[in-house]
Amino acid sequence: MVTTIQVSNELLDKLQKMKVHNRESYEDIIWDLLEDRMELSDETKESIAEYEKNLKEGGLSKFHKWEDVKKELKLNV
């Protein structure tokens, strides 16, 4: 079944800029976006699971505060 969808001019402009070549259809672009969102590598899934576990346990010791990083690296930002 073929249908028509309505999008704003802003979205249309963004879709046009995403085209790899002029003959690429908007459907192709939308499918690519959906696939990117649906497909996560096993490594990414493991990282997410590890982060969630760490978060639930209340420990995010791997992460550092920006202020501490600046001091350690002697940044004047």
N, C-alpha and C. Protein backbone atom coordinates (compact mmCIF):
# COMPACT_ATOMS: atom_id res chain seq x y z
N MET A 1 0.84 -1.17 0.00
CA MET A 1 0.00 0.00 0.00
C MET A 1 0.89 1.25 0.00
N VAL A 2 0.62 2.17 -0.83
CA VAL A 2 1.36 3.42 -0.91
C VAL A 2 0.49 4.51 -0.29
N THR A 3 1.13 5.38 0.49
CA THR A 3 0.39 6.45 1.13
C THR A 3 1.21 7.73 1.08
N THR A 4 0.58 8.81 1.42
CA THR A 4 1.25 10.10 1.46
C THR A 4 1.33 10.54 2.91
N ILE A 5 2.47 11.12 3.29
CA ILE A 5 2.58 11.66 4.64
C ILE A 5 2.84 13.15 4.55
N GLN A 6 2.47 13.84 5.59
CA GLN A 6 2.66 15.28 5.62
C GLN A 6 3.78 15.62 6.59
N VAL A 7 4.73 16.42 6.13
CA VAL A 7 5.85 16.84 6.98
C VAL A 7 5.99 18.35 6.86
N SER A 8 6.60 18.93 7.86
CA SER A 8 6.83 20.37 7.85
C SER A 8 7.91 20.72 6.83
N ASN A 9 7.97 21.97 6.46
CA ASN A 9 9.02 22.43 5.55
C ASN A 9 10.40 22.22 6.16
N GLU A 10 10.50 22.41 7.46
CA GLU A 10 11.78 22.22 8.16
C GLU A 10 12.26 20.78 8.04
N LEU A 11 11.35 19.83 8.27
CA LEU A 11 11.72 18.41 8.16
C LEU A 11 12.06 18.06 6.72
N LEU A 12 11.29 18.56 5.78
CA LEU A 12 11.57 18.31 4.37
C LEU A 12 12.97 18.80 4.00
N ASP A 13 13.32 19.97 4.49
CA ASP A 13 14.65 20.52 4.23
C ASP A 13 15.74 19.60 4.79
N LYS A 14 15.54 19.10 6.00
CA LYS A 14 16.52 18.20 6.62
C LYS A 14 16.62 16.89 5.84
N LEU A 15 15.49 16.36 5.40
CA LEU A 15 15.51 15.12 4.62
C LEU A 15 16.23 15.33 3.29
N GLN A 16 15.99 16.47 2.68
CA GLN A 16 16.67 16.76 1.41
C GLN A 16 18.18 16.83 1.60
N LYS A 17 18.62 17.38 2.70
CA LYS A 17 20.06 17.49 2.97
C LYS A 17 20.69 16.13 3.28
N MET A 18 19.88 15.18 3.70
CA MET A 18 20.40 13.85 4.04
C MET A 18 20.59 12.96 2.82
N LYS A 19 20.04 13.36 1.71
CA LYS A 19 20.15 12.55 0.50
C LYS A 19 21.62 12.39 0.10
N VAL A 20 21.99 11.16 -0.21
CA VAL A 20 23.35 10.88 -0.67
C VAL A 20 23.46 11.26 -2.14
N HIS A 21 22.41 11.04 -2.87
CA HIS A 21 22.35 11.43 -4.28
C HIS A 21 20.93 11.90 -4.59
N ASN A 22 20.77 12.64 -5.66
CA ASN A 22 19.48 13.25 -5.99
C ASN A 22 18.35 12.25 -6.21
N ARG A 23 18.69 11.06 -6.66
CA ARG A 23 17.66 10.07 -6.97
C ARG A 23 17.24 9.25 -5.75
N GLU A 24 17.87 9.46 -4.62
CA GLU A 24 17.52 8.73 -3.41
C GLU A 24 16.14 9.17 -2.94
N SER A 25 15.30 8.22 -2.61
CA SER A 25 13.93 8.55 -2.20
C SER A 25 13.88 8.88 -0.71
N TYR A 26 12.85 9.60 -0.33
CA TYR A 26 12.65 9.90 1.09
C TYR A 26 12.38 8.62 1.87
N GLU A 27 11.74 7.67 1.21
CA GLU A 27 11.50 6.39 1.87
C GLU A 27 12.82 5.72 2.24
N ASP A 28 13.78 5.75 1.33
CA ASP A 28 15.10 5.17 1.62
C ASP A 28 15.75 5.86 2.83
N ILE A 29 15.64 7.16 2.87
CA ILE A 29 16.23 7.91 3.98
C ILE A 29 15.56 7.53 5.29
N ILE A 30 14.24 7.46 5.28
CA ILE A 30 13.50 7.11 6.50
C ILE A 30 13.83 5.69 6.94
N TRP A 31 13.93 4.75 6.01
CA TRP A 31 14.31 3.37 6.36
C TRP A 31 15.70 3.34 7.00
N ASP A 32 16.63 4.10 6.43
CA ASP A 32 17.98 4.15 7.00
C ASP A 32 17.95 4.67 8.43
N LEU A 33 17.16 5.70 8.67
CA LEU A 33 17.04 6.25 10.01
C LEU A 33 16.44 5.23 10.98
N LEU A 34 15.43 4.53 10.54
CA LEU A 34 14.80 3.51 11.38
C LEU A 34 15.75 2.37 11.69
N GLU A 35 16.49 1.93 10.69
CA GLU A 35 17.44 0.84 10.89
C GLU A 35 18.53 1.25 11.87
N ASP A 36 19.02 2.48 11.73
CA ASP A 36 20.04 2.96 12.66
C ASP A 36 19.53 2.93 14.09
N ARG A 37 18.30 3.25 14.26
CA ARG A 37 17.74 3.32 15.61
C ARG A 37 17.44 1.93 16.17
N MET A 38 17.07 0.99 15.30
CA MET A 38 16.67 -0.33 15.76
C MET A 38 17.84 -1.27 15.98
N GLU A 39 18.92 -1.08 15.24
CA GLU A 39 20.03 -2.01 15.30
C GLU A 39 21.14 -1.50 16.23
N LEU A 40 21.31 -2.19 17.31
CA LEU A 40 22.40 -1.89 18.22
C LEU A 40 23.36 -3.07 18.21
N SER A 41 24.62 -2.77 18.20
CA SER A 41 25.60 -3.86 18.23
C SER A 41 25.56 -4.53 19.59
N ASP A 42 26.08 -5.74 19.65
CA ASP A 42 26.15 -6.46 20.93
C ASP A 42 26.97 -5.68 21.94
N GLU A 43 28.04 -5.05 21.46
CA GLU A 43 28.89 -4.26 22.35
C GLU A 43 28.10 -3.10 22.95
N THR A 44 27.30 -2.43 22.14
CA THR A 44 26.49 -1.32 22.64
C THR A 44 25.46 -1.81 23.64
N LYS A 45 24.82 -2.94 23.34
CA LYS A 45 23.83 -3.51 24.27
C LYS A 45 24.48 -3.86 25.60
N GLU A 46 25.69 -4.43 25.55
CA GLU A 46 26.41 -4.78 26.79
C GLU A 46 26.77 -3.52 27.57
N SER A 47 27.20 -2.48 26.88
CA SER A 47 27.55 -1.22 27.54
C SER A 47 26.33 -0.61 28.22
N ILE A 48 25.21 -0.65 27.55
CA ILE A 48 23.96 -0.11 28.12
C ILE A 48 23.57 -0.91 29.35
N ALA A 49 23.64 -2.23 29.26
CA ALA A 49 23.29 -3.09 30.39
C ALA A 49 24.22 -2.84 31.58
N GLU A 50 25.51 -2.68 31.30
CA GLU A 50 26.48 -2.41 32.36
C GLU A 50 26.20 -1.06 33.03
N TYR A 51 25.91 -0.06 32.21
CA TYR A 51 25.59 1.26 32.74
C TYR A 51 24.34 1.20 33.61
N GLU A 52 23.29 0.53 33.14
CA GLU A 52 22.05 0.42 33.90
C GLU A 52 22.29 -0.29 35.23
N LYS A 53 23.07 -1.36 35.20
CA LYS A 53 23.39 -2.10 36.43
C LYS A 53 24.14 -1.19 37.40
N ASN A 54 25.13 -0.49 36.89
CA ASN A 54 25.93 0.42 37.70
C ASN A 54 25.05 1.53 38.29
N LEU A 55 24.15 2.02 37.49
CA LEU A 55 23.25 3.08 37.93
C LEU A 55 22.33 2.59 39.06
N LYS A 56 21.79 1.38 38.89
CA LYS A 56 20.90 0.80 39.91
C LYS A 56 21.63 0.56 41.23
N GLU A 57 22.90 0.20 41.13
CA GLU A 57 23.70 -0.06 42.33
C GLU A 57 24.19 1.23 42.97
N GLY A 58 23.92 2.34 42.31
CA GLY A 58 24.29 3.63 42.88
C GLY A 58 25.73 4.02 42.68
N GLY A 59 26.45 3.27 41.89
CA GLY A 59 27.86 3.59 41.70
C GLY A 59 28.19 3.92 40.27
N LEU A 60 28.62 5.10 40.07
CA LEU A 60 29.09 5.50 38.75
C LEU A 60 30.52 5.98 38.88
N SER A 61 31.33 5.15 39.53
CA SER A 61 32.70 5.55 39.85
C SER A 61 33.56 5.78 38.60
N LYS A 62 33.14 5.25 37.46
CA LYS A 62 33.92 5.42 36.24
C LYS A 62 33.86 6.87 35.74
N PHE A 63 32.85 7.57 36.17
CA PHE A 63 32.62 8.91 35.66
C PHE A 63 33.23 9.94 36.61
N HIS A 64 33.76 11.00 36.03
CA HIS A 64 34.42 12.03 36.82
C HIS A 64 33.71 13.36 36.61
N LYS A 65 33.77 14.18 37.61
CA LYS A 65 33.19 15.51 37.50
C LYS A 65 34.08 16.36 36.61
N TRP A 66 33.46 17.22 35.81
CA TRP A 66 34.18 18.08 34.89
C TRP A 66 35.18 18.95 35.64
N GLU A 67 34.80 19.45 36.79
CA GLU A 67 35.71 20.30 37.58
C GLU A 67 36.97 19.53 37.98
N ASP A 68 36.82 18.26 38.36
CA ASP A 68 37.97 17.45 38.74
C ASP A 68 38.88 17.17 37.55
N VAL A 69 38.29 16.92 36.40
CA VAL A 69 39.07 16.67 35.18
C VAL A 69 39.87 17.92 34.81
N LYS A 70 39.21 19.08 34.88
CA LYS A 70 39.92 20.34 34.56
C LYS A 70 41.11 20.55 35.48
N LYS A 71 40.93 20.28 36.78
CA LYS A 71 42.03 20.45 37.72
C LYS A 71 43.16 19.47 37.43
N GLU A 72 42.80 18.21 37.19
CA GLU A 72 43.80 17.19 36.95
C GLU A 72 44.60 17.48 35.68
N LEU A 73 43.94 17.98 34.65
CA LEU A 73 44.62 18.26 33.38
C LEU A 73 45.12 19.70 33.31
N LYS A 74 44.89 20.45 34.38
CA LYS A 74 45.32 21.86 34.46
C LYS A 74 44.79 22.67 33.29
N LEU A 75 43.50 22.53 33.07
CA LEU A 75 42.84 23.28 32.00
C LEU A 75 42.28 24.59 32.53
N ASN A 76 42.38 25.60 31.75
CA ASN A 76 41.80 26.90 32.12
C ASN A 76 40.59 27.17 31.24
N VAL A 77 39.59 26.34 31.40
CA VAL A 77 38.40 26.45 30.56
C VAL A 77 37.27 27.06 31.36
